[in-house]
Amino acid sequence: MERESLQSQIDDLTQKAAMSEKSKDAEIERLKSAAATSEKNKDAEIKRLKIAAAMSDAEIKGLKAKLESEKQNCWWKMSSQQNSRSAEIEQMMNEMCSMVRRLHLPPQVDGETWQYQTNSGEWAEFQDKANKELMLKFQEGQQTCEMTIDGIAYDYDFQVMNQTNKRTKKARSIRFCSNLPHHWGITDADSLKMLLPVNQGNGQDGSDDRICFVTDPAVMSTLEDLLNGSKRRHDGTGCDCLHGRSTFRLVEAYQVKNRELWRRYQRHVRSILDKHKQHGIKPRVIDPPVGEALTRFATDIQVDLVGNELLLFHGTREFDLAKTIAKEGFDNRIARSGGLYGSGTYFAAQTCKSAQYATNKGMQEKASTQLMGTMLVARVAIGDPHYASGPCKNLTRPPTKNVSASASNSAHEIRYDSIIAKPGIPNGQSNGVQAHMEFVTFAPEQAYPEYILRFIEE
């Protein structure tokens, strides 16, 4: 029984083994089939990936081509912009260099100037050539014009007063600066109108606007105080001459606003300063100094006292002659001969001295309502004066002086600018000495008439 039971178990195990072998073979077949399917799927996936990879390469190539094209376009654009920017920078540099050159030009104190506004808002003068050309075009009546300065072309509009760069279209304001004395009370705009021809609206009506009647009571009072405050000598003592004991009453006054005379005078002042600089001349301070009243009034109207420019008096026997001087200037060529210090134009720092020549009878009589006196207050460029030691009637110009040698120049003679006769020097007259301080000039352009005063004496 036991043996049969064992045989039965063996048979069962054998059967199970056989079934297990079949299952194994089936599983192997299934796995092989699955592997084959997976291989096909793998090949398909690999093929799909290869196709995708191939499309990606094409896209990348296209993108690269597109990027290269855009890069090229961008480069051309940047290059064009860079060239344009370089041109603008070069233009700006040229303008800056031009401005620097113009800013370092010496000021044109002897004439009107045209100016332009810089980027900082300051005003700079045009070069001399451009200034003259602008002046000429304006006086010709042109409302617009074109000019080239330092290779840069500009358009100018005198109606809106601006300058436009023809290339960059940058606009700047321009203005006219008259450089006229401040106490004249003439604006630059009014002065500019005076430059226009009569038929283009300069406002002239045939009257002479160079001689202006003074209506301001304050100015009249100041001028009368000037007459009375200038009777005393430089040391403060009174003068016992005929007019030194007078009280001056100002009847009428005229201010001279003669642009042409003023320009001529300024040019002469500039020539004196240039001569002094060239030869190393340092003029001494005027000695003795003029009185306090003249000094104070000279300061008020910006007379260059430091540069030996003075405010002085000049008496003239006729009002019409004074008006001629206001129009044409002082002219020693028609001055009376026989002056103690040469054939020049004489000025004084004391009103009592000038009053001697303020009427036809000034040496014997005081000015009155029947014989009104006429005196000019003048700005005079004394410069480097020669102090006379006595009469020098034959002079027609100032004497010369020796200038010491320098490292580059040998000793040479330079002419003085004027003559001063100090009180106390011998004068060859019966009283023996010079009583008043007198100043003598020999160039018509060396003095400018500021005011004409009509007065009587009490």
Protein backbone atom coordinates (compact mmCIF):
# COMPACT_ATOMS: atom_id res chain seq x y z
CA MET A 1 0.00 0.00 0.00
CA GLU A 2 2.71 2.28 0.89
CA ARG A 3 4.44 1.46 -2.36
CA GLU A 4 1.37 2.32 -4.38
CA SER A 5 1.02 5.57 -2.51
CA LEU A 6 4.61 6.53 -3.36
CA GLN A 7 4.11 5.60 -7.02
CA SER A 8 1.04 7.79 -7.10
CA GLN A 9 2.96 10.71 -5.71
CA ILE A 10 5.72 10.18 -8.31
CA ASP A 11 3.19 10.15 -11.09
CA ASP A 12 1.64 13.32 -9.80
CA LEU A 13 4.98 15.06 -9.68
CA THR A 14 5.83 13.79 -13.17
CA GLN A 15 2.56 15.11 -14.50
CA LYS A 16 3.09 18.42 -12.79
CA ALA A 17 6.60 18.60 -14.19
CA ALA A 18 5.27 17.94 -17.68
CA MET A 19 2.63 20.62 -17.28
CA SER A 20 5.24 22.98 -15.89
CA GLU A 21 7.46 22.35 -18.93
CA LYS A 22 4.57 23.20 -21.26
CA SER A 23 3.82 26.35 -19.26
CA LYS A 24 7.47 27.25 -19.42
CA ASP A 25 7.53 26.78 -23.15
CA ALA A 26 4.34 28.81 -23.50
CA GLU A 27 5.74 31.59 -21.34
CA ILE A 28 8.91 31.54 -23.36
CA GLU A 29 6.89 31.80 -26.54
CA ARG A 30 4.85 34.64 -25.05
CA LEU A 31 7.97 36.48 -24.00
CA LYS A 32 9.50 35.93 -27.43
CA SER A 33 6.36 37.30 -29.03
CA ALA A 34 6.35 40.25 -26.64
CA ALA A 35 10.04 40.86 -27.35
CA ALA A 36 9.37 40.78 -31.09
CA THR A 37 6.53 43.24 -30.68
CA SER A 38 8.70 45.43 -28.48
CA GLU A 39 11.48 45.33 -31.07
CA LYS A 40 9.06 46.45 -33.75
CA ASN A 41 7.80 49.21 -31.50
CA LYS A 42 11.37 50.12 -30.72
CA ASP A 43 12.27 50.31 -34.39
CA ALA A 44 9.16 52.37 -35.04
CA GLU A 45 10.00 54.70 -32.16
CA ILE A 46 13.60 54.98 -33.31
CA LYS A 47 12.37 55.76 -36.82
CA ARG A 48 9.96 58.35 -35.46
CA LEU A 49 12.69 59.90 -33.34
CA LYS A 50 15.02 59.94 -36.31
CA ILE A 51 12.39 61.73 -38.36
CA ALA A 52 11.79 64.17 -35.49
CA ALA A 53 15.53 64.70 -35.17
CA ALA A 54 15.81 65.29 -38.90
CA MET A 55 12.97 67.91 -38.74
CA SER A 56 14.63 69.56 -35.77
CA ASP A 57 17.90 69.86 -37.70
CA ALA A 58 16.05 71.50 -40.57
CA GLU A 59 14.29 73.84 -38.20
CA ILE A 60 17.54 74.68 -36.47
CA LYS A 61 19.16 75.28 -39.81
CA GLY A 62 16.28 77.54 -40.77
CA LEU A 63 16.46 79.35 -37.49
CA LYS A 64 20.18 79.78 -37.92
CA ALA A 65 19.65 81.20 -41.38
CA LYS A 66 16.95 83.52 -40.07
CA LEU A 67 19.12 84.62 -37.18
CA GLU A 68 22.04 85.23 -39.50
CA SER A 69 19.83 87.31 -41.78
CA GLU A 70 18.51 89.34 -38.85
CA LYS A 71 22.02 89.72 -37.51
CA GLN A 72 23.18 91.01 -40.87
CA ASN A 73 20.28 93.45 -41.08
CA CYS A 74 20.90 94.57 -37.54
CA TRP A 75 24.59 95.08 -38.31
CA TRP A 76 23.80 97.20 -41.34
CA LYS A 77 21.29 99.16 -39.32
CA MET A 78 23.72 99.66 -36.46
CA SER A 79 26.49 100.54 -38.88
CA SER A 80 24.26 103.11 -40.56
CA GLN A 81 23.22 104.55 -37.21
CA GLN A 82 26.83 104.56 -36.06
CA ASN A 83 27.93 106.41 -39.18
CA SER A 84 25.10 108.90 -38.71
CA ARG A 85 25.95 109.27 -35.03
CA SER A 86 29.64 109.68 -35.86
CA ALA A 87 28.76 112.41 -38.34
CA GLU A 88 26.60 114.12 -35.70
CA ILE A 89 29.39 113.83 -33.13
CA GLU A 90 31.89 115.23 -35.61
CA GLN A 91 29.50 118.08 -36.37
CA MET A 92 29.04 118.76 -32.67
CA MET A 93 32.80 118.69 -32.12
CA ASN A 94 33.28 121.18 -34.94
CA GLU A 95 30.66 123.44 -33.38
CA MET A 96 32.28 123.10 -29.94
CA CYS A 97 35.72 123.91 -31.35
CA SER A 98 34.22 126.89 -33.15
CA MET A 99 32.57 128.07 -29.93
CA VAL A 100 35.80 127.67 -27.97
CA ARG A 101 37.67 129.74 -30.55
CA ARG A 102 34.97 132.41 -30.45
CA LEU A 103 34.78 132.47 -26.66
CA HIS A 104 38.52 133.19 -26.50
CA LEU A 105 38.33 136.13 -28.91
CA PRO A 106 39.00 139.54 -27.32
CA PRO A 107 35.80 141.53 -26.72
CA GLN A 108 34.98 144.06 -29.41
CA VAL A 109 34.59 147.04 -27.12
CA ASP A 110 34.74 149.52 -29.99
CA GLY A 111 31.61 148.45 -31.84
CA GLU A 112 28.30 146.66 -32.02
CA THR A 113 28.41 142.87 -31.89
CA TRP A 114 26.13 139.99 -32.76
CA GLN A 115 25.98 137.18 -30.22
CA TYR A 116 24.55 133.66 -30.04
CA GLN A 117 23.33 131.69 -27.04
CA THR A 118 25.42 128.67 -26.04
CA ASN A 119 24.11 125.37 -24.66
CA SER A 120 24.75 126.64 -21.13
CA GLY A 121 22.57 129.68 -21.76
CA GLU A 122 25.47 132.14 -21.89
CA TRP A 123 26.02 134.60 -24.74
CA ALA A 124 29.11 134.45 -26.95
CA GLU A 125 30.24 136.86 -29.64
CA PHE A 126 30.52 135.90 -33.27
CA GLN A 127 33.93 136.07 -34.91
CA ASP A 128 34.81 139.44 -36.37
CA LYS A 129 34.22 138.35 -39.98
CA ALA A 130 30.83 136.80 -39.21
CA ASN A 131 29.88 139.79 -37.06
CA LYS A 132 30.60 142.21 -39.91
CA GLU A 133 28.74 140.05 -42.44
CA LEU A 134 25.66 139.81 -40.22
CA MET A 135 25.76 143.56 -39.67
CA LEU A 136 26.00 144.19 -43.41
CA LYS A 137 23.13 141.84 -44.28
CA PHE A 138 20.92 143.40 -41.60
CA GLN A 139 21.69 146.94 -42.74
CA GLU A 140 20.90 145.90 -46.31
CA GLY A 141 17.40 145.14 -45.07
CA GLN A 142 17.56 141.34 -45.45
CA GLN A 143 15.12 139.54 -43.16
CA THR A 144 16.83 136.17 -43.59
CA CYS A 145 20.26 135.11 -44.81
CA GLU A 146 22.63 132.15 -45.00
CA MET A 147 26.21 132.08 -43.74
CA THR A 148 28.97 129.50 -43.31
CA ILE A 149 31.10 129.70 -40.17
CA ASP A 150 34.02 127.30 -39.66
CA GLY A 151 32.66 125.07 -42.41
CA ILE A 152 29.18 124.87 -40.87
CA ALA A 153 26.23 126.32 -42.79
CA TYR A 154 23.59 128.28 -40.88
CA ASP A 155 20.33 130.04 -41.67
CA TYR A 156 19.64 133.35 -39.91
CA ASP A 157 16.26 134.94 -39.29
CA PHE A 158 16.37 138.54 -38.07
CA GLN A 159 12.62 138.60 -37.38
CA VAL A 160 12.64 135.80 -34.80
CA MET A 161 16.34 136.35 -34.01
CA ASN A 162 17.64 132.82 -34.31
CA GLN A 163 20.35 130.79 -36.01
CA THR A 164 19.62 127.30 -37.41
CA ASN A 165 22.21 124.67 -38.32
CA LYS A 166 21.23 123.64 -41.85
CA ARG A 167 22.31 120.01 -41.32
CA THR A 168 21.21 119.20 -37.75
CA LYS A 169 18.31 121.71 -37.68
CA LYS A 170 19.42 122.79 -34.22
CA ALA A 171 18.30 126.35 -33.52
CA ARG A 172 19.97 128.92 -31.27
CA SER A 173 18.86 132.37 -30.22
CA ILE A 174 20.88 135.34 -31.44
CA ARG A 175 20.88 138.95 -30.31
CA PHE A 176 22.41 142.31 -31.12
CA CYS A 177 24.55 143.97 -28.45
CA SER A 178 25.06 147.68 -29.01
CA ASN A 179 27.77 148.22 -26.35
CA LEU A 180 26.46 151.76 -25.89
CA PRO A 181 26.89 153.53 -22.55
CA HIS A 182 24.34 152.41 -19.99
CA HIS A 183 23.41 155.97 -19.00
CA TRP A 184 22.19 156.68 -22.52
CA GLY A 185 19.12 154.59 -21.75
CA ILE A 186 19.02 153.10 -25.27
CA THR A 187 18.01 149.44 -25.46
CA ASP A 188 19.78 147.06 -27.84
CA ALA A 189 16.51 146.64 -29.74
CA ASP A 190 16.19 150.41 -30.22
CA SER A 191 19.83 150.68 -31.21
CA LEU A 192 19.34 147.92 -33.78
CA LYS A 193 16.47 149.87 -35.37
CA MET A 194 18.79 152.85 -35.70
CA LEU A 195 20.99 150.78 -38.04
CA LEU A 196 18.21 150.34 -40.59
CA PRO A 197 17.95 152.68 -43.61
CA VAL A 198 15.51 155.56 -43.14
CA ASN A 199 13.01 154.05 -45.59
CA GLN A 200 12.87 150.79 -43.61
CA GLY A 201 11.43 152.13 -40.39
CA ASN A 202 14.29 153.28 -38.21
CA GLY A 203 11.97 155.88 -36.74
CA GLN A 204 13.95 158.93 -37.83
CA ASP A 205 11.73 161.90 -38.67
CA GLY A 206 14.43 164.33 -39.75
CA SER A 207 15.20 165.50 -36.20
CA ASP A 208 18.68 164.99 -34.78
CA ASP A 209 18.31 162.32 -32.11
CA ARG A 210 22.03 162.60 -31.27
CA ILE A 211 21.38 165.67 -29.10
CA CYS A 212 18.69 164.91 -26.51
CA PHE A 213 17.07 167.59 -24.37
CA VAL A 214 17.28 166.66 -20.67
CA THR A 215 13.88 166.75 -18.97
CA ASP A 216 14.58 164.71 -15.82
CA PRO A 217 14.72 167.11 -12.83
CA ALA A 218 17.04 164.75 -10.95
CA VAL A 219 19.59 164.79 -13.79
CA MET A 220 19.33 168.58 -14.06
CA SER A 221 19.96 168.90 -10.33
CA THR A 222 22.97 166.57 -10.55
CA LEU A 223 24.48 168.55 -13.43
CA GLU A 224 23.99 171.87 -11.63
CA ASP A 225 25.66 170.42 -8.53
CA LEU A 226 28.51 169.30 -10.78
CA LEU A 227 29.03 172.87 -12.03
CA ASN A 228 29.07 174.34 -8.55
CA GLY A 229 30.96 171.48 -6.95
CA SER A 230 33.84 171.81 -9.43
CA LYS A 231 34.81 175.44 -8.77
CA ARG A 232 37.32 174.66 -6.06
CA ARG A 233 40.94 173.72 -6.70
CA HIS A 234 42.29 170.19 -6.34
CA ASP A 235 43.44 171.01 -2.79
CA GLY A 236 39.98 172.22 -1.80
CA THR A 237 40.80 175.92 -1.73
CA GLY A 238 38.53 178.42 -3.41
CA CYS A 239 39.45 180.19 -6.64
CA ASP A 240 39.43 183.97 -6.61
CA CYS A 241 39.05 184.33 -10.38
CA LEU A 242 36.01 186.08 -11.91
CA HIS A 243 33.94 182.92 -12.18
CA GLY A 244 35.29 181.25 -9.05
CA ARG A 245 33.00 183.42 -6.93
CA SER A 246 29.90 182.62 -9.00
CA THR A 247 26.93 180.43 -8.31
CA PHE A 248 26.06 178.56 -11.49
CA ARG A 249 22.39 178.14 -12.44
CA LEU A 250 21.69 175.50 -15.05
CA VAL A 251 19.11 176.74 -17.55
CA GLU A 252 19.01 173.76 -19.91
CA ALA A 253 21.03 170.66 -20.68
CA TYR A 254 21.43 168.26 -23.58
CA GLN A 255 22.76 164.71 -23.49
CA VAL A 256 24.84 163.64 -26.49
CA LYS A 257 24.05 160.15 -27.81
CA ASN A 258 26.17 160.04 -30.95
CA ARG A 259 26.87 156.42 -31.84
CA GLU A 260 29.46 157.22 -34.52
CA LEU A 261 31.43 159.55 -32.25
CA TRP A 262 31.26 157.01 -29.46
CA ARG A 263 32.67 154.25 -31.71
CA ARG A 264 35.44 156.53 -32.87
CA TYR A 265 36.33 157.44 -29.30
CA GLN A 266 36.31 153.81 -28.18
CA ARG A 267 38.63 152.81 -31.02
CA HIS A 268 41.07 155.51 -29.97
CA VAL A 269 40.95 154.37 -26.36
CA ARG A 270 41.68 150.83 -27.54
CA SER A 271 44.64 152.04 -29.62
CA ILE A 272 46.09 153.83 -26.58
CA LEU A 273 45.77 150.71 -24.45
CA ASP A 274 47.34 148.57 -27.19
CA LYS A 275 50.29 150.97 -27.45
CA HIS A 276 50.83 150.88 -23.69
CA LYS A 277 50.74 147.09 -23.67
CA GLN A 278 53.11 146.78 -26.61
CA HIS A 279 55.74 149.07 -25.10
CA GLY A 280 55.24 148.15 -21.45
CA ILE A 281 53.98 151.60 -20.48
CA LYS A 282 52.23 151.95 -17.13
CA PRO A 283 50.84 155.50 -16.90
CA ARG A 284 51.05 157.21 -13.55
CA VAL A 285 47.91 158.23 -11.70
CA ILE A 286 46.84 161.78 -12.58
CA ASP A 287 48.49 164.15 -10.11
CA PRO A 288 46.93 166.16 -8.63
CA PRO A 289 43.62 164.31 -8.90
CA VAL A 290 40.52 166.05 -10.18
CA GLY A 291 37.89 167.19 -7.71
CA GLU A 292 35.45 165.00 -5.83
CA ALA A 293 32.36 166.18 -7.76
CA LEU A 294 33.84 165.23 -11.14
CA THR A 295 35.16 161.93 -9.79
CA ARG A 296 31.79 161.00 -8.33
CA PHE A 297 29.87 161.82 -11.51
CA ALA A 298 32.51 160.05 -13.64
CA THR A 299 32.03 156.91 -11.55
CA ASP A 300 28.26 157.11 -12.03
CA ILE A 301 28.60 157.03 -15.82
CA GLN A 302 31.35 154.37 -15.75
CA VAL A 303 34.34 156.46 -16.79
CA ASP A 304 37.55 154.38 -16.54
CA LEU A 305 39.37 156.46 -13.97
CA VAL A 306 41.90 153.68 -13.35
CA GLY A 307 42.87 153.81 -17.02
CA ASN A 308 43.37 157.60 -16.84
CA GLU A 309 40.07 158.39 -18.52
CA LEU A 310 38.65 161.58 -17.00
CA LEU A 311 35.48 163.64 -17.03
CA LEU A 312 36.40 167.29 -17.75
CA PHE A 313 34.90 170.62 -18.84
CA HIS A 314 35.27 172.52 -22.11
CA GLY A 315 33.87 176.03 -22.56
CA THR A 316 32.70 177.18 -25.98
CA ARG A 317 31.57 180.68 -26.95
CA GLU A 318 28.45 179.65 -28.91
CA PHE A 319 25.68 177.10 -28.46
CA ASP A 320 25.75 176.28 -32.19
CA LEU A 321 29.44 175.45 -31.93
CA ALA A 322 28.68 173.11 -29.04
CA LYS A 323 26.06 171.36 -31.18
CA THR A 324 28.61 171.00 -33.99
CA ILE A 325 31.00 169.34 -31.53
CA ALA A 326 28.17 167.02 -30.44
CA LYS A 327 27.67 165.98 -34.07
CA GLU A 328 31.25 165.94 -35.36
CA GLY A 329 33.43 165.74 -32.26
CA PHE A 330 36.21 167.95 -30.90
CA ASP A 331 38.60 169.11 -33.60
CA ASN A 332 41.86 170.77 -32.62
CA ARG A 333 42.47 171.63 -36.29
CA ILE A 334 40.02 174.50 -35.97
CA ALA A 335 40.94 175.40 -32.41
CA ARG A 336 42.24 178.87 -31.73
CA SER A 337 46.00 179.21 -32.08
CA GLY A 338 48.30 180.68 -29.46
CA GLY A 339 47.49 178.29 -26.62
CA LEU A 340 50.17 178.13 -23.96
CA TYR A 341 50.58 174.37 -24.36
CA GLY A 342 50.22 173.87 -28.08
CA SER A 343 47.56 173.78 -30.78
CA GLY A 344 45.28 171.22 -29.16
CA THR A 345 41.87 170.98 -27.53
CA TYR A 346 41.85 172.32 -23.98
CA PHE A 347 39.91 170.91 -21.03
CA ALA A 348 39.77 171.88 -17.38
CA ALA A 349 38.85 170.23 -14.11
CA GLN A 350 37.37 173.50 -12.78
CA THR A 351 34.20 175.15 -14.09
CA CYS A 352 35.56 178.61 -13.33
CA LYS A 353 38.37 178.05 -15.87
CA SER A 354 36.09 176.70 -18.63
CA ALA A 355 33.60 179.52 -17.95
CA GLN A 356 36.25 181.96 -19.23
CA TYR A 357 35.60 180.51 -22.72
CA ALA A 358 31.85 179.86 -22.34
CA THR A 359 30.84 183.21 -23.92
CA ASN A 360 32.41 185.75 -26.24
CA LYS A 361 33.12 187.92 -23.20
CA GLY A 362 33.94 185.20 -20.72
CA MET A 363 37.25 186.74 -19.71
CA GLN A 364 35.52 189.96 -18.61
CA GLU A 365 31.89 189.08 -17.82
CA LYS A 366 29.87 186.38 -16.15
CA ALA A 367 27.23 184.48 -18.07
CA SER A 368 23.77 186.04 -17.84
CA THR A 369 20.30 185.76 -19.31
CA GLN A 370 21.45 188.18 -22.03
CA LEU A 371 24.69 186.29 -22.65
CA MET A 372 24.14 182.67 -21.66
CA GLY A 373 27.19 180.49 -21.13
CA THR A 374 27.78 177.16 -22.90
CA MET A 375 29.97 174.41 -21.50
CA LEU A 376 30.50 170.77 -22.44
CA VAL A 377 31.12 167.93 -20.02
CA ALA A 378 33.47 165.59 -21.88
CA ARG A 379 34.96 162.15 -21.43
CA VAL A 380 38.69 162.46 -22.20
CA ALA A 381 41.28 159.71 -22.72
CA ILE A 382 44.32 161.26 -21.01
CA GLY A 383 46.36 158.04 -21.22
CA ASP A 384 50.06 158.58 -20.49
CA PRO A 385 50.37 162.38 -20.05
CA HIS A 386 53.35 164.68 -20.34
CA TYR A 387 53.45 167.18 -17.46
CA ALA A 388 54.49 170.52 -18.91
CA SER A 389 57.15 172.46 -17.03
CA GLY A 390 56.17 175.70 -18.75
CA PRO A 391 54.69 177.13 -21.98
CA CYS A 392 55.15 175.04 -25.17
CA LYS A 393 53.11 177.00 -27.70
CA ASN A 394 54.62 175.45 -30.83
CA LEU A 395 53.49 171.89 -30.13
CA THR A 396 51.02 170.31 -32.54
CA ARG A 397 51.15 166.94 -30.81
CA PRO A 398 52.47 165.63 -27.48
CA PRO A 399 56.25 165.33 -27.04
CA THR A 400 58.08 162.00 -26.90
CA LYS A 401 59.82 160.17 -24.09
CA ASN A 402 62.53 157.52 -23.98
CA VAL A 403 61.43 154.00 -23.21
CA SER A 404 64.13 151.87 -21.60
CA ALA A 405 65.50 148.86 -23.44
CA SER A 406 64.07 145.42 -22.80
CA ALA A 407 65.27 141.92 -23.61
CA SER A 408 63.75 142.10 -27.10
CA ASN A 409 63.77 145.83 -27.93
CA SER A 410 66.40 148.52 -27.91
CA ALA A 411 65.79 151.90 -26.31
CA HIS A 412 63.39 154.01 -28.34
CA GLU A 413 61.11 157.03 -28.15
CA ILE A 414 57.36 156.83 -27.58
CA ARG A 415 55.00 159.76 -27.85
CA TYR A 416 52.95 160.82 -24.85
CA ASP A 417 49.15 160.78 -25.21
CA SER A 418 48.36 164.27 -23.84
CA ILE A 419 49.73 167.25 -21.94
CA ILE A 420 48.84 168.36 -18.41
CA ALA A 421 49.60 171.83 -17.07
CA LYS A 422 49.63 171.67 -13.29
CA PRO A 423 48.82 174.66 -11.10
CA GLY A 424 51.91 176.57 -10.04
CA ILE A 425 54.14 176.03 -13.09
CA PRO A 426 55.48 179.13 -14.92
CA ASN A 427 53.13 180.15 -17.69
CA GLY A 428 54.88 183.16 -19.18
CA GLN A 429 51.98 185.45 -18.30
CA SER A 430 52.00 188.55 -16.14
CA ASN A 431 50.85 186.67 -13.03
CA GLY A 432 53.74 184.29 -13.56
CA VAL A 433 52.18 180.90 -12.75
CA GLN A 434 49.47 178.52 -13.93
CA ALA A 435 46.36 179.10 -11.80
CA HIS A 436 44.15 176.21 -12.95
CA MET A 437 44.85 172.64 -13.99
CA GLU A 438 44.48 172.20 -17.77
CA PHE A 439 44.52 169.14 -20.03
CA VAL A 440 45.43 169.27 -23.72
CA THR A 441 44.72 166.61 -26.38
CA PHE A 442 45.75 166.63 -30.04
CA ALA A 443 43.58 163.93 -31.64
CA PRO A 444 39.94 164.73 -32.56
CA GLU A 445 38.83 161.25 -31.47
CA GLN A 446 40.48 161.52 -28.03
CA ALA A 447 37.42 163.02 -26.30
CA TYR A 448 33.68 162.38 -26.34
CA PRO A 449 31.12 165.13 -25.49
CA GLU A 450 28.72 163.75 -22.87
CA TYR A 451 26.56 166.81 -22.09
CA ILE A 452 26.00 170.37 -23.30
CA LEU A 453 25.18 172.71 -20.42
CA ARG A 454 23.58 176.16 -20.81
CA PHE A 455 23.96 178.29 -17.68
CA ILE A 456 23.95 181.71 -16.09
CA GLU A 457 25.97 182.92 -13.11
CA GLU A 458 24.85 184.70 -9.99
